[in-house]
């Protein structure tokens, strides 16, 4: 019996057993390193996306019209310019992403007169308080903010030739508000003729 051959075969089989076991340990180490790298990348991606979402939310909050309200001088009037060219003067009471609430409203009215030669003559604009029109609106409006081109605070000016001065004069003359006549005024010229 040759024991040397037997031991050599046993050693070979033992060495072959060791090799796969060593290589599997080597693969497990690579796998762990791969998972470690993947876990680090996932945490970095999650952190970056969280920062991006927070920055986006802050941007949205600071760009909404509700933050415009902090610029409103509540002791003075504001001029609100609409996309259709109309301008209203009054107090902005609130602004959100859909509406701007305006009260104590005035607007400019330009009277045009037709001359005998067919030409129209434009008179000076007059400041008119909202409320005595034919449909008798209340002196408050909700304006769609998408229609507001811009708005601005008006200076405290007592000169009657300015909008703030004319508003102050009108408020002093009508401390209890305007009383509208029983028959609404019409912007159409009077066409009635008297009989003789």
Protein backbone atom coordinates (compact mmCIF):
# COMPACT_ATOMS: atom_id res chain seq x y z
CA UNK A 1 0.00 0.00 0.00
CA UNK A 2 1.28 3.30 -1.00
CA UNK A 3 0.35 5.89 1.54
CA UNK A 4 2.23 8.67 -0.16
CA UNK A 5 -0.03 8.54 -3.18
CA UNK A 6 -3.05 8.56 -1.00
CA UNK A 7 -1.84 11.59 0.98
CA UNK A 8 -0.96 13.40 -2.23
CA UNK A 9 -4.46 12.82 -3.60
CA UNK A 10 -5.96 13.89 -0.31
CA UNK A 11 -3.84 17.05 -0.32
CA UNK A 12 -4.89 17.82 -3.89
CA UNK A 13 -8.53 17.43 -3.05
CA UNK A 14 -8.03 19.54 0.04
CA UNK A 15 -6.31 22.24 -2.02
CA UNK A 16 -9.09 22.18 -4.58
CA UNK A 17 -11.59 22.57 -1.76
CA UNK A 18 -9.69 25.50 -0.38
CA UNK A 19 -9.50 27.35 -3.66
CA UNK A 20 -13.25 27.63 -4.21
CA UNK A 21 -13.80 28.55 -0.62
CA UNK A 22 -11.14 31.26 -0.85
CA UNK A 23 -12.58 32.58 -4.11
CA UNK A 24 -16.08 32.68 -2.64
CA UNK A 25 -14.74 34.77 0.21
CA UNK A 26 -13.13 36.99 -2.39
CA UNK A 27 -16.50 37.32 -4.20
CA UNK A 28 -18.28 38.09 -0.94
CA UNK A 29 -15.79 40.90 -0.28
CA UNK A 30 -16.40 42.33 -3.76
CA UNK A 31 -20.14 41.99 -3.27
CA UNK A 32 -19.95 43.81 0.05
CA UNK A 33 -17.85 46.56 -1.50
CA UNK A 34 -20.39 46.83 -4.35
CA UNK A 35 -23.30 47.07 -1.92
CA UNK A 36 -21.40 49.62 0.13
CA UNK A 37 -20.82 51.79 -2.94
CA UNK A 38 -24.45 51.36 -4.05
CA UNK A 39 -25.70 52.26 -0.57
CA UNK A 40 -23.52 55.40 -0.54
CA UNK A 41 -24.74 56.44 -3.98
CA UNK A 42 -28.37 55.88 -2.91
CA UNK A 43 -27.93 58.02 0.21
CA UNK A 44 -26.25 60.75 -1.85
CA UNK A 45 -29.03 60.64 -4.45
CA UNK A 46 -31.74 60.75 -1.77
CA UNK A 47 -30.03 63.68 -0.01
CA UNK A 48 -29.60 65.59 -3.29
CA UNK A 49 -33.21 65.05 -4.34
CA UNK A 50 -34.43 66.18 -0.91
CA UNK A 51 -32.39 69.39 -1.21
CA UNK A 52 -33.78 69.93 -4.72
CA UNK A 53 -37.39 69.44 -3.59
CA UNK A 54 -36.93 71.82 -0.64
CA UNK A 55 -35.34 74.45 -2.91
CA UNK A 56 -38.20 74.08 -5.39
CA UNK A 57 -40.82 74.50 -2.65
CA UNK A 58 -39.06 77.60 -1.32
CA UNK A 59 -38.94 79.01 -4.85
CA UNK A 60 -42.65 78.38 -5.36
CA UNK A 61 -43.58 79.94 -2.02
CA UNK A 62 -41.50 83.05 -2.65
CA UNK A 63 -42.80 83.53 -6.18
CA UNK A 64 -46.51 83.43 -5.30
CA UNK A 65 -48.51 86.67 -5.17
CA UNK A 66 -49.28 86.15 -1.48
CA UNK A 67 -45.75 87.33 -0.73
CA UNK A 68 -46.47 90.54 -2.67
CA UNK A 69 -48.79 91.62 0.12
CA UNK A 70 -45.84 92.48 2.37
CA UNK A 71 -45.08 95.37 -0.03
CA UNK A 72 -48.54 96.93 0.29
CA UNK A 73 -48.47 100.24 2.18
CA UNK A 74 -51.77 99.86 4.04
CA UNK A 75 -51.88 103.55 5.02
CA UNK A 76 -52.01 104.72 1.39
CA UNK A 77 -53.83 103.83 -1.84
CA UNK A 78 -52.54 101.57 -4.58
CA UNK A 79 -52.92 101.74 -8.36
CA UNK A 80 -53.72 98.39 -9.99
CA UNK A 81 -53.08 98.10 -13.73
CA UNK A 82 -54.95 95.38 -15.61
CA UNK A 83 -53.99 93.69 -18.86
CA UNK A 84 -57.03 95.25 -20.63
CA UNK A 85 -55.70 98.77 -19.96
CA UNK A 86 -58.07 99.59 -17.08
CA UNK A 87 -56.57 101.12 -13.93
CA UNK A 88 -58.21 101.02 -10.51
CA UNK A 89 -57.16 103.00 -7.45
CA UNK A 90 -57.95 101.78 -3.96
CA UNK A 91 -56.69 99.71 -1.04
CA UNK A 92 -55.31 96.23 -1.66
CA UNK A 93 -56.63 94.17 1.26
CA UNK A 94 -55.31 90.74 0.31
CA UNK A 95 -53.53 88.85 -2.46
CA UNK A 96 -53.38 85.13 -3.09
CA UNK A 97 -52.42 83.01 -6.08
CA UNK A 98 -55.83 83.53 -7.71
CA UNK A 99 -57.30 86.85 -6.55
CA UNK A 100 -56.45 90.33 -5.35
CA UNK A 101 -59.05 91.98 -3.10
CA UNK A 102 -59.38 95.74 -3.65
CA UNK A 103 -61.75 98.15 -1.89
CA UNK A 104 -62.39 101.93 -1.65
CA UNK A 105 -62.11 101.91 -5.43
CA UNK A 106 -61.84 104.81 -7.85
CA UNK A 107 -61.18 104.87 -11.57
CA UNK A 108 -60.51 107.52 -14.20
CA UNK A 109 -63.26 108.45 -16.62
CA UNK A 110 -62.56 110.47 -19.73
CA UNK A 111 -65.51 112.35 -21.13
CA UNK A 112 -65.56 112.69 -24.89
CA UNK A 113 -67.79 115.19 -26.65
CA UNK A 114 -68.74 115.01 -30.29
CA UNK A 115 -68.31 118.36 -32.02
CA UNK A 116 -70.56 119.61 -34.85
CA UNK A 117 -67.84 118.85 -37.38
CA UNK A 118 -67.93 115.16 -36.33
CA UNK A 119 -64.63 115.20 -34.45
CA UNK A 120 -64.45 114.09 -30.86
CA UNK A 121 -62.96 116.30 -28.22
CA UNK A 122 -61.47 114.62 -25.18
CA UNK A 123 -61.93 116.37 -21.88
CA UNK A 124 -59.87 116.08 -18.75
CA UNK A 125 -60.14 112.77 -16.94
CA UNK A 126 -62.24 112.77 -13.80
CA UNK A 127 -61.84 110.49 -10.82
CA UNK A 128 -65.00 108.46 -10.23
CA UNK A 129 -65.76 106.38 -7.13
CA UNK A 130 -67.03 102.88 -7.81
CA UNK A 131 -70.61 102.28 -6.70
CA UNK A 132 -72.98 104.66 -8.47
CA UNK A 133 -72.88 102.98 -11.87
CA UNK A 134 -76.07 101.64 -13.45
CA UNK A 135 -75.58 98.14 -11.97
CA UNK A 136 -74.77 99.61 -8.49
CA UNK A 137 -71.71 97.55 -7.54
CA UNK A 138 -70.34 97.51 -4.03
CA UNK A 139 -67.07 99.35 -3.57
CA UNK A 140 -65.02 96.16 -3.51
CA UNK A 141 -63.53 93.95 -6.23
CA UNK A 142 -61.88 90.59 -6.52
CA UNK A 143 -59.45 90.87 -9.41
CA UNK A 144 -58.02 87.79 -11.09
CA UNK A 145 -54.27 88.03 -10.44
CA UNK A 146 -53.54 86.65 -13.89
CA UNK A 147 -55.15 89.84 -15.28
CA UNK A 148 -53.09 92.18 -13.08
CA UNK A 149 -50.12 93.48 -15.05
CA UNK A 150 -48.63 95.32 -12.08
CA UNK A 151 -49.59 97.40 -9.08
CA UNK A 152 -47.90 100.18 -7.15
CA UNK A 153 -48.25 102.14 -3.93
CA UNK A 154 -49.29 105.78 -4.31
CA UNK A 155 -47.56 108.61 -2.48
CA UNK A 156 -49.25 110.66 0.20
CA UNK A 157 -49.96 113.76 -1.89
CA UNK A 158 -52.49 116.45 -1.00
CA UNK A 159 -52.36 118.21 -4.39
CA UNK A 160 -55.86 118.00 -5.89
CA UNK A 161 -54.41 117.58 -9.38
CA UNK A 162 -53.07 114.14 -8.44
CA UNK A 163 -55.01 110.94 -7.89
CA UNK A 164 -54.10 110.66 -4.17
CA UNK A 165 -55.06 114.31 -3.61
CA UNK A 166 -58.35 113.95 -5.49
CA UNK A 167 -59.20 110.83 -3.46
CA UNK A 168 -58.49 112.68 -0.19
CA UNK A 169 -60.65 115.61 -1.29
CA UNK A 170 -63.50 113.27 -2.27
CA UNK A 171 -63.30 111.37 1.03
CA UNK A 172 -63.34 114.65 2.97
CA UNK A 173 -66.40 115.84 1.03
CA UNK A 174 -68.19 112.49 1.50
CA UNK A 175 -67.24 111.18 4.97
CA UNK A 176 -70.22 108.80 5.08
CA UNK A 177 -69.70 107.49 1.56
CA UNK A 178 -71.37 108.45 -1.66
CA UNK A 179 -75.12 108.64 -1.97
CA UNK A 180 -76.19 107.79 -5.46
CA UNK A 181 -79.11 109.63 -7.01
CA UNK A 182 -82.33 107.68 -7.40
CA UNK A 183 -81.94 107.69 -11.17
CA UNK A 184 -78.60 106.36 -12.29
CA UNK A 185 -76.49 108.60 -14.44
CA UNK A 186 -76.01 107.54 -18.01
CA UNK A 187 -72.97 108.01 -20.17
CA UNK A 188 -75.15 108.56 -23.26
CA UNK A 189 -75.94 112.15 -24.21
CA UNK A 190 -79.33 113.54 -23.34
CA UNK A 191 -81.46 113.37 -26.50
CA UNK A 192 -84.79 114.53 -25.10
CA UNK A 193 -86.21 117.74 -26.51
CA UNK A 194 -88.64 120.05 -24.84
CA UNK A 195 -91.95 120.82 -26.56
CA UNK A 196 -92.80 124.44 -27.25
